[in-house]
Every structure is written in structure tokens, then in C-alpha cells.
C-alpha atoms as a PDB file:
ATOM      1  CA  MET A   1       0.000  -0.029  -0.002  1.00  0.00           C
ATOM      2  CA  PHE A   2       1.314   3.486  -0.742  1.00  0.00           C
ATOM      3  CA  SER A   3       1.566   6.352   1.733  1.00  0.00           C
ATOM      4  CA  ASP A   4      -0.161   9.345   1.463  1.00  0.00           C
ATOM      5  CA  THR A   5       2.954  11.181   0.377  1.00  0.00           C
ATOM      6  CA  THR A   6       3.288   8.458  -2.396  1.00  0.00           C
ATOM      7  CA  ALA A   7      -0.337   8.686  -3.320  1.00  0.00           C
ATOM      8  CA  ALA A   8      -0.169  12.118  -3.850  1.00  0.00           C
ATOM      9  CA  ARG A   9       2.751  12.077  -5.849  1.00  0.00           C
ATOM     10  CA  THR A  10       0.882   9.267  -8.407  1.00  0.00           C
ATOM     11  CA  ALA A  11      -2.114  11.156  -8.234  1.00  0.00           C
ATOM     12  CA  GLY A  12      -3.843  10.975 -11.964  1.00  0.00           C
ATOM     13  CA  LEU A  13      -1.341   8.345 -13.193  1.00  0.00           C
ATOM     14  CA  SER A  14      -2.490   4.608 -13.959  1.00  0.00           C
ATOM     15  CA  ALA A  15      -1.590   1.633 -12.052  1.00  0.00           C
ATOM     16  CA  GLU A  16       0.158   0.351 -15.023  1.00  0.00           C
ATOM     17  CA  THR A  17       2.309   3.667 -14.867  1.00  0.00           C
ATOM     18  CA  VAL A  18       2.892   3.693 -11.380  1.00  0.00           C
ATOM     19  CA  ALA A  19       4.004   0.348 -11.769  1.00  0.00           C
ATOM     20  CA  LEU A  20       6.097   0.585 -14.567  1.00  0.00           C
ATOM     21  CA  VAL A  21       7.958   3.457 -12.716  1.00  0.00           C
ATOM     22  CA  LYS A  22       8.398   1.356  -9.773  1.00  0.00           C
ATOM     23  CA  THR A  23      10.038  -1.413 -11.674  1.00  0.00           C
ATOM     24  CA  ARG A  24      11.383  -0.895 -14.993  1.00  0.00           C
ATOM     25  CA  PHE A  25      12.629   2.823 -14.547  1.00  0.00           C
ATOM     26  CA  VAL A  26      14.141   2.301 -11.471  1.00  0.00           C
ATOM     27  CA  ARG A  27      16.081  -0.719 -12.700  1.00  0.00           C
ATOM     28  CA  VAL A  28      17.119   1.101 -15.828  1.00  0.00           C
ATOM     29  CA  VAL A  29      18.332   3.798 -13.406  1.00  0.00           C
ATOM     30  CA  TYR A  30      20.660   1.457 -11.408  1.00  0.00           C
ATOM     31  CA  GLN A  31      21.479   0.026 -14.552  1.00  0.00           C
ATOM     32  CA  TRP A  32      22.860   3.042 -15.742  1.00  0.00           C
ATOM     33  CA  MET A  33      24.693   3.859 -12.334  1.00  0.00           C
ATOM     34  CA  ALA A  34      26.215   0.453 -12.236  1.00  0.00           C
ATOM     35  CA  GLY A  35      27.227   0.896 -15.909  1.00  0.00           C
ATOM     36  CA  GLY A  36      29.100   3.933 -15.193  1.00  0.00           C
ATOM     37  CA  LEU A  37      30.739   2.706 -11.952  1.00  0.00           C
ATOM     38  CA  ALA A  38      32.088  -0.518 -14.125  1.00  0.00           C
ATOM     39  CA  LEU A  39      33.393   1.769 -16.789  1.00  0.00           C
ATOM     40  CA  THR A  40      34.648   4.226 -14.357  1.00  0.00           C
ATOM     41  CA  ALA A  41      36.964   1.144 -12.875  1.00  0.00           C
ATOM     42  CA  ALA A  42      37.682   0.142 -16.156  1.00  0.00           C
ATOM     43  CA  THR A  43      39.277   3.661 -16.838  1.00  0.00           C
ATOM     44  CA  ALA A  44      40.926   3.891 -13.599  1.00  0.00           C
ATOM     45  CA  LEU A  45      42.807   0.253 -13.840  1.00  0.00           C
ATOM     46  CA  LEU A  46      43.739   1.052 -17.547  1.00  0.00           C
ATOM     47  CA  VAL A  47      45.562   3.983 -16.424  1.00  0.00           C
ATOM     48  CA  VAL A  48      46.912   2.764 -12.896  1.00  0.00           C
ATOM     49  CA  ARG A  49      48.596  -0.170 -15.718  1.00  0.00           C
ATOM     50  CA  SER A  50      50.026   2.205 -18.057  1.00  0.00           C
ATOM     51  CA  PRO A  51      52.963   3.905 -16.580  1.00  0.00           C
ATOM     52  CA  ALA A  52      52.729   6.315 -19.547  1.00  0.00           C
ATOM     53  CA  LEU A  53      49.471   7.571 -18.432  1.00  0.00           C
ATOM     54  CA  MET A  54      50.012   7.485 -14.921  1.00  0.00           C
ATOM     55  CA  GLY A  55      53.076   9.799 -14.988  1.00  0.00           C
ATOM     56  CA  ALA A  56      51.310  12.290 -17.501  1.00  0.00           C
ATOM     57  CA  LEU A  57      48.354  12.657 -14.688  1.00  0.00           C
ATOM     58  CA  VAL A  58      51.097  13.091 -11.630  1.00  0.00           C
ATOM     59  CA  LEU A  59      53.558  14.665 -12.987  1.00  0.00           C
ATOM     60  CA  ASN A  60      51.213  17.434 -15.002  1.00  0.00           C
ATOM     61  CA  ARG A  61      48.619  18.786 -12.287  1.00  0.00           C
ATOM     62  CA  GLY A  62      47.277  21.475 -15.006  1.00  0.00           C
ATOM     63  CA  ALA A  63      46.056  17.857 -17.082  1.00  0.00           C
ATOM     64  CA  LEU A  64      44.683  16.602 -13.930  1.00  0.00           C
ATOM     65  CA  LEU A  65      43.134  20.172 -12.696  1.00  0.00           C
ATOM     66  CA  VAL A  66      41.527  20.537 -16.446  1.00  0.00           C
ATOM     67  CA  LEU A  67      40.009  16.870 -16.178  1.00  0.00           C
ATOM     68  CA  ILE A  68      38.291  18.240 -12.692  1.00  0.00           C
ATOM     69  CA  LEU A  69      36.971  21.201 -13.780  1.00  0.00           C
ATOM     70  CA  ALA A  70      35.831  18.902 -17.045  1.00  0.00           C
ATOM     71  CA  GLU A  71      33.846  16.716 -14.392  1.00  0.00           C
ATOM     72  CA  LEU A  72      32.219  19.936 -12.573  1.00  0.00           C
ATOM     73  CA  GLY A  73      31.395  21.678 -15.996  1.00  0.00           C
ATOM     74  CA  LEU A  74      29.618  18.167 -17.292  1.00  0.00           C
ATOM     75  CA  VAL A  75      27.869  17.172 -13.782  1.00  0.00           C
ATOM     76  CA  VAL A  76      26.090  20.999 -14.181  1.00  0.00           C
ATOM     77  CA  TRP A  77      25.571  20.606 -17.671  1.00  0.00           C
ATOM     78  CA  LEU A  78      23.728  17.626 -17.269  1.00  0.00           C
ATOM     79  CA  SER A  79      21.896  18.360 -13.986  1.00  0.00           C
ATOM     80  CA  GLY A  80      20.598  21.957 -15.476  1.00  0.00           C
ATOM     81  CA  TRP A  81      20.060  21.280 -18.875  1.00  0.00           C
ATOM     82  CA  ILE A  82      19.163  17.432 -19.308  1.00  0.00           C
ATOM     83  CA  HIS A  83      15.403  18.315 -20.026  1.00  0.00           C
ATOM     84  CA  LYS A  84      16.542  20.092 -23.150  1.00  0.00           C
ATOM     85  CA  MET A  85      18.984  17.361 -24.321  1.00  0.00           C
ATOM     86  CA  SER A  86      18.402  14.400 -26.870  1.00  0.00           C
ATOM     87  CA  VAL A  87      18.553  10.431 -25.115  1.00  0.00           C
ATOM     88  CA  ARG A  88      21.782  10.489 -26.985  1.00  0.00           C
ATOM     89  CA  THR A  89      23.389  13.340 -26.279  1.00  0.00           C
ATOM     90  CA  ALA A  90      22.531  12.901 -22.076  1.00  0.00           C
ATOM     91  CA  SER A  91      23.937   9.157 -22.336  1.00  0.00           C
ATOM     92  CA  TRP A  92      27.218  10.192 -23.922  1.00  0.00           C
ATOM     93  CA  ALA A  93      27.617  13.135 -21.476  1.00  0.00           C
ATOM     94  CA  PHE A  94      27.318  10.395 -18.643  1.00  0.00           C
ATOM     95  CA  LEU A  95      29.373   8.011 -20.176  1.00  0.00           C
ATOM     96  CA  ALA A  96      31.791  11.005 -20.813  1.00  0.00           C
ATOM     97  CA  TYR A  97      32.000  11.428 -16.925  1.00  0.00           C
ATOM     98  CA  SER A  98      32.267   8.052 -16.000  1.00  0.00           C
ATOM     99  CA  VAL A  99      35.658   8.445 -17.951  1.00  0.00           C
ATOM    100  CA  LEU A 100      36.942  11.723 -16.944  1.00  0.00           C
ATOM    101  CA  ASN A 101      36.197  10.377 -12.926  1.00  0.00           C
ATOM    102  CA  GLY A 102      37.967   7.034 -13.597  1.00  0.00           C
ATOM    103  CA  LEU A 103      41.168   8.542 -14.641  1.00  0.00           C
ATOM    104  CA  VAL A 104      41.010  11.331 -11.704  1.00  0.00           C
ATOM    105  CA  LEU A 105      40.466   8.720  -9.540  1.00  0.00           C
ATOM    106  CA  SER A 106      43.135   6.567 -10.854  1.00  0.00           C
ATOM    107  CA  THR A 107      45.432   8.427  -8.340  1.00  0.00           C
ATOM    108  CA  ILE A 108      43.974   6.668  -5.551  1.00  0.00           C
ATOM    109  CA  PHE A 109      46.040   3.840  -6.348  1.00  0.00           C
ATOM    110  CA  LEU A 110      49.350   5.701  -5.566  1.00  0.00           C
ATOM    111  CA  VAL A 111      48.252   6.282  -2.080  1.00  0.00           C
ATOM    112  CA  TYR A 112      46.470   3.269  -1.038  1.00  0.00           C
ATOM    113  CA  THR A 113      46.987  -0.511  -1.558  1.00  0.00           C
ATOM    114  CA  GLY A 114      44.879  -2.365  -4.280  1.00  0.00           C
ATOM    115  CA  SER A 115      43.694  -4.849  -1.412  1.00  0.00           C
ATOM    116  CA  SER A 116      42.066  -1.914   0.760  1.00  0.00           C
ATOM    117  CA  ILE A 117      40.409  -0.068  -1.879  1.00  0.00           C
ATOM    118  CA  ALA A 118      38.752  -3.776  -3.044  1.00  0.00           C
ATOM    119  CA  LEU A 119      37.696  -3.838   0.870  1.00  0.00           C
ATOM    120  CA  THR A 120      36.878  -0.463   0.606  1.00  0.00           C
ATOM    121  CA  PHE A 121      34.691  -1.045  -2.691  1.00  0.00           C
ATOM    122  CA  VAL A 122      32.791  -3.670  -1.057  1.00  0.00           C
ATOM    123  CA  VAL A 123      32.023  -2.166   2.649  1.00  0.00           C
ATOM    124  CA  CYS A 124      30.621   1.040   0.386  1.00  0.00           C
ATOM    125  CA  ALA A 125      28.254  -1.166  -2.025  1.00  0.00           C
ATOM    126  CA  VAL A 126      26.906  -3.043   1.426  1.00  0.00           C
ATOM    127  CA  THR A 127      26.206   0.469   2.850  1.00  0.00           C
ATOM    128  CA  PHE A 128      25.172   2.056  -0.214  1.00  0.00           C
ATOM    129  CA  GLY A 129      22.622  -0.774  -1.173  1.00  0.00           C
ATOM    130  CA  SER A 130      21.176  -0.894   2.111  1.00  0.00           C
ATOM    131  CA  ALA A 131      20.533   3.291   2.451  1.00  0.00           C
ATOM    132  CA  ALA A 132      19.181   2.779  -1.316  1.00  0.00           C
ATOM    133  CA  LEU A 133      16.956  -0.344  -0.261  1.00  0.00           C
ATOM    134  CA  TYR A 134      15.515   1.901   2.518  1.00  0.00           C
ATOM    135  CA  GLY A 135      14.772   5.128   0.820  1.00  0.00           C
ATOM    136  CA  THR A 136      13.254   2.912  -2.129  1.00  0.00           C
ATOM    137  CA  VAL A 137      10.616   0.948   0.095  1.00  0.00           C
ATOM    138  CA  THR A 138      10.155   3.332   3.178  1.00  0.00           C
ATOM    139  CA  GLY A 139       6.735   4.968   3.192  1.00  0.00           C
ATOM    140  CA  ARG A 140       8.594   7.971   4.708  1.00  0.00           C
ATOM    141  CA  ASP A 141       9.032  10.871   3.009  1.00  0.00           C
ATOM    142  CA  LEU A 142      12.590  11.280   2.831  1.00  0.00           C
ATOM    143  CA  SER A 143      12.271  15.192   1.679  1.00  0.00           C
ATOM    144  CA  GLY A 144      13.672  16.687   5.532  1.00  0.00           C
ATOM    145  CA  ALA A 145      16.264  14.197   5.833  1.00  0.00           C
ATOM    146  CA  GLY A 146      17.493  15.562   2.271  1.00  0.00           C
ATOM    147  CA  SER A 147      17.732  18.950   2.946  1.00  0.00           C
ATOM    148  CA  PHE A 148      19.415  18.206   6.225  1.00  0.00           C
ATOM    149  CA  ALA A 149      21.925  15.986   4.411  1.00  0.00           C
ATOM    150  CA  PHE A 150      22.381  18.889   1.727  1.00  0.00           C
ATOM    151  CA  MET A 151      23.275  21.514   4.677  1.00  0.00           C
ATOM    152  CA  GLY A 152      25.529  19.040   6.042  1.00  0.00           C
ATOM    153  CA  LEU A 153      27.175  18.737   2.539  1.00  0.00           C
ATOM    154  CA  ILE A 154      27.805  22.775   2.564  1.00  0.00           C
ATOM    155  CA  GLY A 155      29.282  22.181   6.285  1.00  0.00           C
ATOM    156  CA  ILE A 156      31.808  19.731   5.120  1.00  0.00           C
ATOM    157  CA  ILE A 157      33.118  22.147   1.972  1.00  0.00           C
ATOM    158  CA  VAL A 158      33.608  24.932   4.517  1.00  0.00           C
ATOM    159  CA  ALA A 159      35.238  22.790   7.099  1.00  0.00           C
ATOM    160  CA  SER A 160      37.410  20.924   4.190  1.00  0.00           C
ATOM    161  CA  LEU A 161      38.645  24.548   2.959  1.00  0.00           C
ATOM    162  CA  LEU A 162      39.395  25.362   6.630  1.00  0.00           C
ATOM    163  CA  ASN A 163      41.354  22.380   7.336  1.00  0.00           C
ATOM    164  CA  TRP A 164      43.348  23.135   4.302  1.00  0.00           C
ATOM    165  CA  PHE A 165      45.198  25.812   6.317  1.00  0.00           C
ATOM    166  CA  PHE A 166      44.800  24.298   9.676  1.00  0.00           C
ATOM    167  CA  ARG A 167      45.827  20.841   9.106  1.00  0.00           C
ATOM    168  CA  SER A 168      44.140  19.736  11.935  1.00  0.00           C
ATOM    169  CA  PRO A 169      44.222  15.864  12.342  1.00  0.00           C
ATOM    170  CA  ALA A 170      40.670  15.956  14.420  1.00  0.00           C
ATOM    171  CA  LEU A 171      39.178  18.251  12.117  1.00  0.00           C
ATOM    172  CA  ASN A 172      39.813  15.874   9.330  1.00  0.00           C
ATOM    173  CA  TRP A 173      38.923  12.931  11.214  1.00  0.00           C
ATOM    174  CA  ALA A 174      35.148  14.751  11.793  1.00  0.00           C
ATOM    175  CA  ILE A 175      35.231  15.447   8.263  1.00  0.00           C
ATOM    176  CA  THR A 176      35.346  11.754   7.146  1.00  0.00           C
ATOM    177  CA  TYR A 177      32.525  10.890   9.502  1.00  0.00           C
ATOM    178  CA  ALA A 178      29.982  13.578   8.899  1.00  0.00           C
ATOM    179  CA  GLY A 179      31.195  12.940   5.145  1.00  0.00           C
ATOM    180  CA  VAL A 180      30.218   9.148   5.424  1.00  0.00           C
ATOM    181  CA  LEU A 181      26.433   9.887   7.217  1.00  0.00           C
ATOM    182  CA  VAL A 182      25.893  13.111   4.867  1.00  0.00           C
ATOM    183  CA  PHE A 183      26.193  10.726   1.968  1.00  0.00           C
ATOM    184  CA  VAL A 184      24.470   7.599   3.642  1.00  0.00           C
ATOM    185  CA  ILE A 185      21.500   9.987   3.924  1.00  0.00           C
ATOM    186  CA  LEU A 186      21.956  11.098   0.552  1.00  0.00           C
ATOM    187  CA  ALA A 187      21.711   7.716  -0.848  1.00  0.00           C
ATOM    188  CA  ALA A 188      18.258   6.878   0.963  1.00  0.00           C
ATOM    189  CA  TYR A 189      17.195  10.371  -0.030  1.00  0.00           C
ATOM    190  CA  ASP A 190      18.107   9.921  -3.618  1.00  0.00           C
ATOM    191  CA  ALA A 191      17.245   6.428  -4.290  1.00  0.00           C
ATOM    192  CA  GLN A 192      13.708   7.613  -3.267  1.00  0.00           C
ATOM    193  CA  LYS A 193      13.540  10.496  -5.731  1.00  0.00           C
ATOM    194  CA  VAL A 194      14.402   8.263  -8.245  1.00  0.00           C
ATOM    195  CA  GLN A 195      10.475   7.552  -8.175  1.00  0.00           C
ATOM    196  CA  ARG A 196       9.823  10.854  -7.773  1.00  0.00           C
ATOM    197  CA  LEU A 197      11.814  11.679 -10.902  1.00  0.00           C
ATOM    198  CA  GLY A 198       9.858   8.617 -12.852  1.00  0.00           C
ATOM    199  CA  PHE A 199       6.526   9.794 -12.222  1.00  0.00           C
ATOM    200  CA  SER A 200       6.881  13.143 -13.112  1.00  0.00           C
ATOM    201  CA  ALA A 201       8.336  12.210 -16.316  1.00  0.00           C
ATOM    202  CA  ALA A 202       5.798   9.291 -17.094  1.00  0.00           C
ATOM    203  CA  SER A 203       3.671  11.683 -18.437  1.00  0.00           C
ATOM    204  CA  GLN A 204       5.676  13.232 -21.075  1.00  0.00           C
ATOM    205  CA  GLY A 205       6.392   9.882 -22.921  1.00  0.00           C
ATOM    206  CA  GLU A 206       9.764   6.914 -23.447  1.00  0.00           C
ATOM    207  CA  ALA A 207      12.141   9.945 -24.185  1.00  0.00           C
ATOM    208  CA  ALA A 208      11.914  12.024 -20.646  1.00  0.00           C
ATOM    209  CA  LEU A 209      11.341   8.707 -18.828  1.00  0.00           C
ATOM    210  CA  SER A 210      15.018   7.851 -20.262  1.00  0.00           C
ATOM    211  CA  ARG A 211      16.371  11.721 -19.622  1.00  0.00           C
ATOM    212  CA  TYR A 212      15.532  11.459 -15.966  1.00  0.00           C
ATOM    213  CA  ALA A 213      17.150   7.784 -15.919  1.00  0.00           C
ATOM    214  CA  ILE A 214      20.064   8.989 -16.380  1.00  0.00           C
ATOM    215  CA  LEU A 215      19.803  11.960 -14.447  1.00  0.00           C
ATOM    216  CA  GLY A 216      18.858   9.513 -11.535  1.00  0.00           C
ATOM    217  CA  ALA A 217      21.534   7.503 -12.239  1.00  0.00           C
ATOM    218  CA  LEU A 218      24.155  10.854 -12.068  1.00  0.00           C
ATOM    219  CA  ALA A 219      22.692  11.380  -8.604  1.00  0.00           C
ATOM    220  CA  LEU A 220      23.198   8.174  -7.228  1.00  0.00           C
ATOM    221  CA  TYR A 221      26.815   7.762  -8.826  1.00  0.00           C
ATOM    222  CA  LEU A 222      27.825  10.650  -7.224  1.00  0.00           C
ATOM    223  CA  ASP A 223      26.671   9.457  -4.016  1.00  0.00           C
ATOM    224  CA  PHE A 224      28.429   6.209  -4.470  1.00  0.00           C
ATOM    225  CA  ILE A 225      31.893   7.913  -5.475  1.00  0.00           C
ATOM    226  CA  ASN A 226      31.636  10.463  -2.716  1.00  0.00           C
ATOM    227  CA  LEU A 227      31.049   7.622  -0.003  1.00  0.00           C
ATOM    228  CA  PHE A 228      33.554   5.343  -1.245  1.00  0.00           C
ATOM    229  CA  LEU A 229      35.969   8.229  -1.031  1.00  0.00           C
ATOM    230  CA  PHE A 230      34.878   9.170   2.512  1.00  0.00           C
ATOM    231  CA  LEU A 231      35.103   5.530   3.374  1.00  0.00           C
ATOM    232  CA  LEU A 232      38.738   5.108   2.015  1.00  0.00           C
ATOM    233  CA  ARG A 233      39.471   7.903   4.294  1.00  0.00           C
ATOM    234  CA  ILE A 234      38.823   5.190   7.386  1.00  0.00           C
ATOM    235  CA  PHE A 235      39.551   1.931   5.579  1.00  0.00           C
ATOM    236  CA  GLY A 236      42.327   2.735   2.988  1.00  0.00           C
ATOM    237  CA  ARG A 237      45.682   1.274   3.906  1.00  0.00           C
ATOM    238  CA  GLY A 238      48.739   3.784   2.454  1.00  0.00           C
ATOM    239  CA  ARG A 239      51.423   2.055   0.554  1.00  0.00           C
ATOM    240  CA  ASP A 240      54.930   2.189   2.295  1.00  0.00           C
END
């Protein structure tokens, strides 16, 4: 049985459409997310196994900065203008972002051991999966929790900038654990928001459903990657 909140969001939609969103649309979102993560991992491993590529990233800080700025630009472009894009353009933009992120994340292999990165990935997958499952099945409206997490994210960004100057180990650990909490909450919130995106796009046709599936996948992908990076601070073992 739907909660009152869900019932309000699905008002005017047929039972078939609601079922389509809660099954096929959600499945497509997670397929896109999983594909993006796989592409990111494959790209990172490719760079790690190529001394020339890894050397280019490490020795050329300008190139790394360009990659990071390109990532930010793609996220802003996808998030803000996806409703105006063709499905093909949105698809290629998401895949391009996944590759760029793989290039940037390849540098973590220079800092942490491969075994600790693998362990952290498993911990992240279980944690993220539990949070996303809760967000998907709960009848509670998580909008308030999402707003709280967003404010927490702003606080983390500000504290990280301050700690760039103070170099406080205690503050660094506080930021790390706060980051884990924030992205666990965001994972649950965005998992619930995926269904809202589907309900919103359902009346606009297949193209809208496809575009918003990519948008939902991007949000969940970002939650997973950021949760992974904060968990890596905890479980990652440095190279000798």
C-alpha cells in the first residue's frame, strides 16, 4: 500500500504507469549507475596499468586540474539542461563523465593499497545498497532528511576549506565521519527521489523517462563515489 505522500505524487497516473516507474524505470536507473561505475573502474585500472598515462597525470598537475574542471562542467550541464537534451546526448555525457572520473580516481592507487581499495569498495557497496533500499521501500518522505544532508554537505565543504589551512587531524576525522553520514542519508534520499523523477516524467513520454533515468543514475553515482572516497579515508591502507 502506498503512503499518503506517494499517493499524492501518483495522483492522476494509472496503476500500470505507477508499476512501470517502480519497476522498469528504477531498474534502468540502477543499470545506468552500475554501468557508469564499471566504466569508471575500468578506466582507472587502465591508467594504473599504463605507466605513461599515470605519469602524465601525476607529473602534469595542469592536466589533472583540467579533468576535474571538465567533470564539474559535465555535472552542471547534465543536471541543469538534461530536459533540453536528446537521450543520445545525455547518454554520451554521462559516459564521458564516468571516464573522466576514472582518470581522476586512478591516482588513489598511488596512495592506498589495492586490497584496501577493494575492501572499501565492498563496504561502500553494502552501505550504499542498504541506504538505497531503505529509501526505495520506505513510506516516509525523506525530503527533510535530504535538506538536512545538503546543509551538512555545505558544512563539510566549508570545514574542508578551513582545514586546508589548519591541517587539523581531529577536524579531518570529524569531516570524514560526517561525510559518511551525509552521503548515506543522500543515498536514501536520492533513491526515493528516483521514483519521483519517474512519476514526473511518466506523462511526458519515453524520451523523458530515458533522460530522467540518466539524471537519477548520475545522482546515485555521485553519492556512491563520494561515500566510497570518505570510507577510503577510514579503511584505506597507505602504501609503504
